[in-house]
Protein backbone atom coordinates (compact mmCIF):
# COMPACT_ATOMS: atom_id res chain seq x y z
CA MET A 1 8.72 6.96 27.27
CA ARG A 2 6.45 9.80 26.40
CA ARG A 3 7.27 12.04 23.46
CA ASP A 4 5.84 15.16 21.96
CA VAL A 5 4.85 15.03 18.30
CA ARG A 6 8.22 16.37 17.20
CA GLY A 7 9.88 13.33 18.76
CA ARG A 8 11.45 15.17 21.68
CA LYS A 9 11.59 13.72 25.18
CA PRO A 10 9.55 16.08 27.38
CA GLY A 11 10.14 17.05 30.96
CA PRO A 12 9.12 15.30 34.20
CA TYR A 13 5.47 16.36 33.92
CA SER A 14 5.00 14.42 30.70
CA ARG A 15 6.15 11.03 31.97
CA SER A 16 3.28 8.58 31.51
CA ARG A 17 4.63 6.17 34.14
CA ASN A 18 4.68 8.62 37.02
CA ALA A 19 3.99 6.64 40.20
CA ARG A 20 1.29 9.01 41.34
CA GLY A 21 -0.59 8.60 38.06
CA ARG A 22 -0.79 4.84 38.55
CA ILE A 23 -2.59 4.89 41.86
CA LEU A 24 -5.60 7.05 41.06
CA ALA A 25 -8.92 6.05 39.48
CA CYS A 26 -7.70 2.82 37.93
CA GLY A 27 -4.96 4.63 36.08
CA LEU A 28 -7.33 6.85 34.10
CA GLY A 29 -4.96 9.78 34.15
CA VAL A 30 -6.87 11.83 36.71
CA LEU A 31 -3.69 13.02 38.41
CA VAL A 32 -2.10 14.14 35.16
CA TRP A 33 -5.28 15.98 34.33
CA GLY A 34 -5.56 17.36 37.86
CA LEU A 35 -2.11 18.97 37.68
CA ALA A 36 -3.52 21.25 35.00
CA SER A 37 -6.97 22.05 36.35
CA SER A 38 -8.71 22.53 39.68
CA ALA A 39 -12.19 21.71 38.29
CA ALA A 40 -13.69 18.24 38.72
CA PRO A 41 -12.89 16.01 35.74
CA SER A 42 -15.59 14.61 33.49
CA PHE A 43 -15.21 11.23 31.75
CA THR A 44 -16.62 10.49 28.28
CA THR A 45 -16.36 7.13 26.51
CA SER A 46 -16.53 7.08 22.70
CA SER A 47 -19.17 5.11 20.81
CA SER A 48 -16.92 2.08 20.25
CA GLY A 49 -15.53 2.13 23.78
CA ARG A 50 -11.99 2.44 22.43
CA PHE A 51 -11.45 6.02 23.64
CA LEU A 52 -11.86 7.67 27.03
CA VAL A 53 -11.75 11.47 27.14
CA VAL A 54 -10.94 13.19 30.44
CA GLY A 55 -11.57 16.93 30.79
CA SER A 56 -13.56 19.54 32.67
CA ASP A 57 -15.99 20.34 29.81
CA SER A 58 -18.29 17.40 29.06
CA ALA A 59 -19.45 18.91 25.74
CA LEU A 60 -15.84 19.29 24.61
CA ASN A 61 -15.17 15.72 25.72
CA VAL A 62 -17.93 14.49 23.41
CA GLU A 63 -16.43 16.41 20.47
CA TYR A 64 -13.00 14.87 21.03
CA ALA A 65 -14.53 11.41 21.40
CA ARG A 66 -16.16 11.83 17.99
CA TRP A 67 -12.92 13.17 16.54
CA ALA A 68 -11.01 10.15 17.85
CA GLU A 69 -13.51 7.70 16.33
CA ASN A 70 -13.27 9.50 12.99
CA MET A 71 -9.46 9.46 13.12
CA ALA A 72 -9.46 5.77 14.02
CA GLU A 73 -11.64 4.95 11.02
CA HIS A 74 -9.31 6.82 8.65
CA CYS A 75 -6.20 5.26 10.22
CA GLU A 76 -7.57 1.73 9.84
CA THR A 77 -8.32 2.40 6.18
CA LEU A 78 -4.90 3.89 5.44
CA LEU A 79 -2.86 1.41 7.50
CA ASP A 80 -5.04 -1.47 6.27
CA SER A 81 -5.13 -3.02 9.72
CA PRO A 82 -7.30 -2.98 12.87
CA LEU A 83 -5.93 -0.55 15.42
CA PRO A 84 -4.37 -1.85 18.68
CA LEU A 85 -7.31 -0.61 20.78
CA ARG A 86 -10.07 -2.42 22.58
CA ARG A 87 -12.93 -1.59 24.92
CA GLY A 88 -11.26 -3.00 28.03
CA LYS A 89 -8.16 -0.81 27.61
CA PRO A 90 -9.29 2.41 25.91
CA MET A 91 -6.89 5.05 24.72
CA GLU A 92 -7.00 7.99 27.14
CA ILE A 93 -7.33 11.50 25.73
CA LEU A 94 -6.47 14.01 28.44
CA LEU A 95 -7.58 17.61 27.90
CA VAL A 96 -5.32 19.78 30.06
CA ASP A 97 -4.97 23.49 30.76
CA SER A 98 -2.22 24.86 28.52
CA ARG A 99 -1.55 27.69 30.98
CA THR A 100 -0.06 25.25 33.48
CA ALA A 101 0.70 22.13 31.44
CA GLY A 102 2.44 23.75 28.47
CA MET A 103 1.49 23.89 24.81
CA ASP A 104 2.89 20.59 23.53
CA VAL A 105 0.69 17.72 22.41
CA THR A 106 2.28 14.61 23.95
CA THR A 107 1.83 10.87 23.61
CA GLY A 108 2.60 8.00 25.99
CA ARG A 109 1.85 4.48 27.08
CA ARG A 110 1.04 3.22 30.57
CA ASP A 111 2.43 0.11 32.23
CA ASP A 112 -0.81 -1.76 31.51
CA GLY A 113 -0.48 -1.04 27.79
CA ARG A 114 -2.98 1.81 27.53
CA TYR A 115 -2.08 4.66 25.18
CA THR A 116 -2.39 8.30 26.23
CA LEU A 117 -2.76 11.47 24.20
CA THR A 118 -2.47 14.74 26.14
CA ILE A 119 -3.97 17.78 24.43
CA PRO A 120 -3.49 21.34 25.76
CA ARG A 121 -6.60 23.52 25.86
CA PRO A 122 -7.05 26.14 24.58
CA SER A 123 -5.22 24.51 21.69
CA THR A 124 -2.36 26.07 19.76
CA GLY A 125 -4.44 25.76 16.61
CA GLU A 126 -1.90 23.39 15.00
CA THR A 127 -4.32 20.59 14.23
CA ALA A 128 -1.68 18.95 12.01
CA LEU A 129 0.42 18.26 15.12
CA LEU A 130 -2.53 16.65 16.87
CA ARG A 131 -3.27 14.41 13.89
CA GLU A 132 0.38 13.38 13.68
CA ALA A 133 0.42 12.54 17.39
CA PHE A 134 -2.59 10.27 16.90
CA VAL A 135 -1.01 8.58 13.87
CA ARG A 136 2.24 8.09 15.83
CA LEU A 137 0.41 6.23 18.59
CA MET A 138 -1.49 4.01 16.17
CA LEU A 139 1.56 3.12 14.05
CA GLU A 140 3.71 2.44 17.11
CA GLY A 141 0.91 0.29 18.51
CA LEU A 142 0.66 -1.77 15.33
CA ILE A 143 4.42 -2.33 15.27
CA GLU A 144 4.42 -3.28 18.96
CA SER A 145 1.56 -5.76 18.37
CA GLN A 146 3.54 -7.26 15.50
CA ARG A 147 6.51 -7.72 17.81
CA GLN A 148 4.40 -9.44 20.44
CA ASP A 149 2.98 -11.84 17.85
CA THR A 150 6.49 -12.87 16.79
CA GLY A 151 7.97 -12.89 20.30
CA ARG A 152 10.58 -10.25 19.54
CA PRO A 153 11.81 -7.90 22.30
CA SER A 154 10.33 -4.42 22.59
CA THR A 155 12.65 -1.54 21.68
CA GLU A 156 12.09 2.14 20.99
CA ILE A 157 10.28 2.80 17.71
CA ILE A 158 11.57 5.82 15.81
CA ILE A 159 9.25 7.15 13.11
CA PRO A 160 10.67 10.00 11.00
CA SER A 161 8.77 13.29 11.08
CA TRP A 162 8.31 13.42 7.30
CA PHE A 163 6.61 10.01 7.31
CA LEU A 164 4.28 10.93 10.19
CA ALA A 165 3.30 14.17 8.45
CA GLY A 166 2.88 12.28 5.19
CA LEU A 167 0.63 9.58 6.65
CA SER A 168 -1.43 12.24 8.43
CA GLY A 169 -1.87 14.11 5.15
CA ASN A 170 -3.06 10.94 3.41
CA LEU A 171 -5.78 10.07 5.92
CA GLU A 172 -8.42 11.92 3.91
CA LYS A 173 -8.62 12.29 0.14
CA GLU A 174 -9.74 15.90 0.46
CA MET A 175 -6.67 16.80 2.53
CA LEU A 176 -4.29 15.23 0.02
CA ALA A 177 -6.05 17.09 -2.80
CA GLY A 178 -5.68 20.32 -0.82
CA HIS A 179 -1.95 19.70 -0.33
CA ARG A 180 -1.56 18.95 -4.02
CA THR A 181 -3.27 22.23 -4.88
CA LEU A 182 -1.30 24.16 -2.24
CA LEU A 183 2.04 23.18 -3.73
CA SER A 184 0.91 24.40 -7.14
CA MET A 185 0.35 27.92 -5.83
CA PRO A 186 3.05 30.59 -6.25
CA GLY A 187 4.93 31.68 -3.15
CA ILE A 188 4.39 28.48 -1.16
CA GLU A 189 7.61 27.46 0.60
CA SER A 190 8.34 23.75 0.74
CA GLY A 191 11.17 23.84 3.25
CA GLY A 192 13.83 24.37 0.60
CA ALA A 193 13.54 20.78 -0.64
CA THR A 194 14.25 20.29 -4.33
CA SER A 195 14.32 16.48 -4.32
CA ILE A 196 12.55 13.62 -2.60
CA THR A 197 15.89 12.61 -1.06
CA GLU A 198 15.94 15.90 0.88
CA VAL A 199 12.41 15.27 2.15
CA ILE A 200 13.34 11.75 3.33
CA GLN A 201 16.34 13.14 5.21
CA TRP A 202 14.36 15.73 7.19
CA VAL A 203 14.90 14.86 10.85
CA SER A 204 12.32 17.47 11.84
CA LEU A 205 10.10 19.54 9.58
CA PRO A 206 11.40 22.97 8.52
CA GLU A 207 9.80 26.16 9.77
CA GLY A 208 6.59 27.21 8.06
CA TRP A 209 4.67 23.98 8.33
CA GLN A 210 2.15 24.28 5.47
CA GLY A 211 4.45 23.81 2.50
CA PRO A 212 6.74 21.15 4.05
CA ARG A 213 3.80 19.11 5.34
CA ALA A 214 2.11 19.26 1.94
CA LEU A 215 5.33 18.01 0.32
CA CYS A 216 5.55 15.18 2.88
CA SER A 217 1.96 14.22 2.01
CA LEU A 218 2.75 14.01 -1.69
CA ALA A 219 6.00 12.10 -1.11
CA THR A 220 4.18 9.56 1.06
CA ALA A 221 1.30 9.32 -1.45
CA TRP A 222 3.83 8.54 -4.17
CA PHE A 223 5.55 5.81 -2.15
CA LEU A 224 2.17 4.26 -1.32
CA THR A 225 1.43 3.78 -5.03
CA PHE A 226 4.02 0.97 -5.09
CA PRO A 227 3.05 -2.62 -4.16
CA ARG A 228 3.18 -3.44 -0.43
CA ALA A 229 4.93 -0.13 0.25
CA LEU A 230 3.37 0.50 3.67
CA SER A 231 3.93 -3.08 4.81
CA LYS A 232 7.60 -2.89 3.83
CA MET A 233 8.10 0.46 5.52
CA ARG A 234 6.38 -0.77 8.68
CA ASP A 235 8.63 -3.85 8.79
CA ARG A 236 11.64 -1.61 8.33
CA LEU A 237 10.66 0.55 11.31
CA ASP A 238 9.91 -2.60 13.30
CA ALA A 239 13.51 -3.71 12.71
CA GLY A 240 14.76 -0.38 14.08
CA ALA A 241 16.27 0.57 10.72
CA PRO A 242 15.88 3.96 9.02
CA LEU A 243 13.78 4.70 5.94
CA SER A 244 16.87 5.80 4.04
CA PRO A 245 16.81 7.03 0.42
CA ALA A 246 18.85 4.03 -0.76
CA TRP A 247 16.57 1.52 0.99
CA LEU A 248 13.39 3.19 -0.30
CA ALA A 249 14.75 3.32 -3.85
CA GLN A 250 15.64 -0.36 -3.92
CA ASN A 251 12.90 -1.92 -1.77
CA VAL A 252 9.85 0.29 -2.30
CA VAL A 253 10.29 2.01 -5.67
CA GLY A 254 12.12 -0.99 -7.10
CA VAL A 255 15.00 0.81 -8.83
CA ALA A 256 18.74 0.34 -8.48
CA SER A 257 19.77 3.88 -7.67
CA ILE A 258 18.68 7.08 -5.94
CA PRO A 259 19.04 9.15 -9.17
CA ARG A 260 16.58 6.81 -10.90
CA MET A 261 14.14 7.22 -8.00
CA GLU A 262 14.49 11.00 -8.34
CA GLU A 263 13.68 10.75 -12.08
CA LEU A 264 10.46 8.83 -11.38
CA TRP A 265 9.51 11.27 -8.59
CA ARG A 266 9.99 14.27 -10.88
CA ALA A 267 7.95 12.61 -13.64
CA TRP A 268 5.11 11.95 -11.17
CA ARG A 269 5.23 15.52 -9.87
CA GLU A 270 5.17 16.88 -13.42
CA ARG A 271 2.02 14.90 -14.14
CA GLN A 272 0.50 16.25 -10.94
CA ASP A 273 1.38 19.84 -11.84
CA ARG A 274 0.08 19.39 -15.39
CA ALA A 275 -3.21 18.06 -14.06
CA ILE A 276 -3.53 20.96 -11.60
CA GLN A 277 -2.81 23.49 -14.36
CA GLU A 278 -5.40 21.83 -16.57
CA PHE A 279 -8.04 21.81 -13.85
CA GLY A 280 -7.30 25.19 -12.30
CA VAL A 281 -6.98 25.75 -8.56
CA LEU A 282 -9.93 23.65 -7.46
CA SER A 283 -10.37 20.81 -4.98
CA THR A 284 -13.14 19.11 -3.03
CA GLY A 285 -11.73 20.87 0.04
CA LEU A 286 -12.59 24.25 -1.50
CA ILE A 287 -16.03 22.96 -2.48
CA LEU A 288 -16.70 21.93 1.12
CA GLU A 289 -15.56 25.32 2.40
CA LEU A 290 -17.91 27.11 0.01
CA LYS A 291 -20.75 24.74 0.91
CA GLY A 292 -20.27 25.53 4.60
CA ILE A 293 -20.33 29.35 4.38
CA PRO A 294 -24.15 29.72 4.19
CA HIS A 295 -24.41 27.86 7.51
CA LEU A 296 -21.92 30.05 9.37
CA SER A 297 -23.09 32.73 11.77
CA GLY A 298 -22.69 36.23 10.36
CA SER A 299 -24.47 38.80 8.25
CA SER A 300 -25.23 38.34 4.56
CA LEU A 301 -22.70 41.02 3.65
CA GLU A 302 -20.02 39.24 5.70
CA LYS A 303 -20.77 35.99 3.90
CA ILE A 304 -20.41 37.71 0.52
CA GLN A 305 -16.98 38.94 1.62
CA TRP A 306 -15.98 35.45 2.81
CA ILE A 307 -17.08 33.87 -0.48
CA ARG A 308 -15.14 36.36 -2.61
CA THR A 309 -12.05 35.91 -0.45
CA LEU A 310 -12.32 32.12 -0.76
CA THR A 311 -12.77 32.15 -4.55
CA LEU A 312 -10.18 34.86 -5.32
CA GLY A 313 -7.67 33.51 -7.85
CA LYS A 314 -9.32 30.08 -7.97
CA ALA A 315 -10.73 28.18 -10.95
CA PRO A 316 -13.33 30.15 -12.98
CA GLU A 317 -15.97 27.48 -12.29
CA LEU A 318 -15.65 28.06 -8.55
CA VAL A 319 -15.78 31.83 -8.99
CA GLU A 320 -19.02 31.52 -11.01
CA VAL A 321 -20.69 29.36 -8.37
CA GLY A 322 -19.47 31.72 -5.66
CA GLU A 323 -21.08 34.64 -7.47
CA LEU A 324 -24.40 32.78 -7.59
CA TYR A 325 -24.26 32.51 -3.78
CA CYS A 326 -23.30 36.19 -3.55
CA ARG A 327 -26.40 37.10 -5.59
CA TYR A 328 -28.50 35.11 -3.13
CA PHE A 329 -27.01 36.87 -0.10
CA GLU A 330 -27.39 40.24 -1.79
CA ALA A 331 -31.11 39.47 -2.16
CA VAL A 332 -31.28 38.52 1.52
CA SER A 333 -29.45 41.69 2.63
CA ARG A 334 -31.84 44.01 0.76
CA GLY A 335 -34.95 42.11 1.86
CA ALA A 336 -36.00 40.85 -1.58
CA TRP A 337 -39.12 38.74 -2.02
CA LYS A 338 -38.84 35.29 -0.46
CA VAL A 339 -39.53 33.66 -3.81
CA THR A 340 -36.56 35.54 -5.31
CA GLN A 341 -34.33 34.42 -2.44
CA ARG A 342 -35.40 30.81 -2.80
CA ARG A 343 -34.90 30.85 -6.57
CA ARG A 344 -31.38 32.28 -6.28
CA LEU A 345 -30.41 29.85 -3.51
CA ALA A 346 -31.71 26.87 -5.51
CA ARG A 347 -29.74 28.00 -8.59
CA ALA A 348 -26.54 28.30 -6.52
CA GLU A 349 -27.01 24.90 -4.84
CA VAL A 350 -27.65 23.11 -8.15
CA ALA A 351 -24.54 24.70 -9.69
CA LEU A 352 -22.45 23.78 -6.64
CA GLY A 353 -23.71 20.18 -6.77
CA LYS A 354 -22.66 19.85 -10.42
CA LEU A 355 -19.27 21.40 -9.71
CA GLU A 356 -18.71 19.06 -6.77
CA THR A 357 -19.47 16.02 -8.94
CA LEU A 358 -17.11 17.25 -11.67
CA THR A 359 -14.36 18.04 -9.16
CA GLN A 360 -14.59 14.57 -7.69
CA ALA A 361 -14.32 13.11 -11.20
CA ARG A 362 -11.27 15.25 -11.90
CA GLU A 363 -9.56 14.21 -8.68
CA ALA A 364 -10.37 10.57 -9.39
CA TYR A 365 -8.59 10.99 -12.70
CA VAL A 366 -5.53 12.44 -10.99
CA ASP A 367 -5.62 9.53 -8.54
CA ASP A 368 -5.66 7.20 -11.55
CA PHE A 369 -2.45 8.85 -12.69
CA GLU A 370 -1.02 8.32 -9.21
CA SER A 371 -1.75 4.59 -9.35
CA LEU A 372 0.22 4.03 -12.56
CA PRO A 373 3.24 2.41 -10.87
CA ARG A 374 0.94 -0.25 -9.42
CA ARG A 375 0.17 -1.32 -12.97
CA GLY A 376 3.78 -2.07 -13.62
CA GLY A 377 6.00 0.25 -14.39
CA ASP A 378 7.67 3.39 -15.31
CA PRO A 379 5.08 6.18 -15.43
CA ALA A 380 7.13 7.88 -18.15
CA ALA A 381 6.41 4.95 -20.45
CA SER A 382 2.70 4.67 -19.62
CA GLY A 383 1.44 6.20 -22.86
CA LEU A 384 -1.20 8.35 -21.13
CA GLU A 385 -1.14 11.76 -22.73
CA LYS A 386 -2.71 15.07 -21.91
CA SER A 387 -5.23 14.59 -24.72
CA ALA A 388 -6.64 11.60 -22.84
CA MET A 389 -7.26 13.80 -19.82
CA GLU A 390 -8.97 16.43 -21.95
CA SER A 391 -11.20 13.83 -23.60
CA TYR A 392 -12.17 12.39 -20.24
CA LEU A 393 -13.09 15.78 -18.79
CA ASP A 394 -15.00 16.82 -21.91
CA GLU A 395 -17.10 13.67 -21.64
CA ALA A 396 -17.68 14.18 -17.89
CA GLU A 397 -18.79 17.76 -18.46
CA LYS A 398 -21.20 16.71 -21.22
CA ARG A 399 -22.83 14.18 -18.89
CA LEU A 400 -23.23 16.85 -16.20
CA ASP A 401 -24.74 19.36 -18.63
CA LYS A 402 -27.47 16.85 -19.52
CA ARG A 403 -28.68 16.61 -15.92
């Protein structure tokens, strides 16, 4: 049965086993695509042969093929397992016209075992939903493969929305760092959740997706710090049982009660918040955004405005680097000597490179805090104090200053 990324059963159009769809072009989904567009479809196979993109714009097909390969690589790393895809039966990505096919991203599986991901174009802009749809397919596929290996019957696999959003948010380190920073900002709504138990019990994510999804990412990141957490959770879903607070407390976190799990969660969050406060609002995601602005189309004055908007209220180090880029674009806008422009650009790029290295070191230190439960135990009894963090950062900054 096909589902949209919120777990709902869509209407007749979305059924992946429609009889008409099975008789055309070796089941490549041409009919489903054709219902949404009168233009001739174009077919693009990804570099590994594991993905087939069907759409009317061949250039767009290539972009989605690259995106799928990138997503697959991140999924295999996070799930620690090869994905259930192979060249002979590629996953089909169908780019359809949202004006006639609707705005929902949907997933499905054909009778021959091929997975399908239907993406409306123009998109709704909710890239988080698209990532979660991809993760849903891959996780369901891994569970189904596990069932086939053990000879168990196939039944519907129900993956809670919070866990899908959490896995999606943990695919890339930069995204998790961004979510961690987002939740430290004032005024960010997290769906009204005040405990990890409330997050686990979300059937669907609350309105205002940024805060709730960020909280799901952190909750999942915390669970994944415990030994064999993902394997245990996957087996639980395979058995058709829910990821309940009581089960997670006892089998993943390794404590006897939900209140004890809440204590450990709060202690972990407090360490996260303390680290963020110590570092300021800074992440590799922000660094990448700043690094990309000089390459965007637009006037020098527009780029100055973008940089100052990006760095507003952020860590002083980022503001300083941003101002170096602003000085460069000011020189460009007034037609200063080329040598002056080159000197200012070089100064900004060197400063940004140092800041990027330091930011990565800082985030690595936070990740070290996150991994404490793997080393046995109660994070509250770990003995790592704030002074250790300060000493580490002081040493890192000294090394950078010597370069």
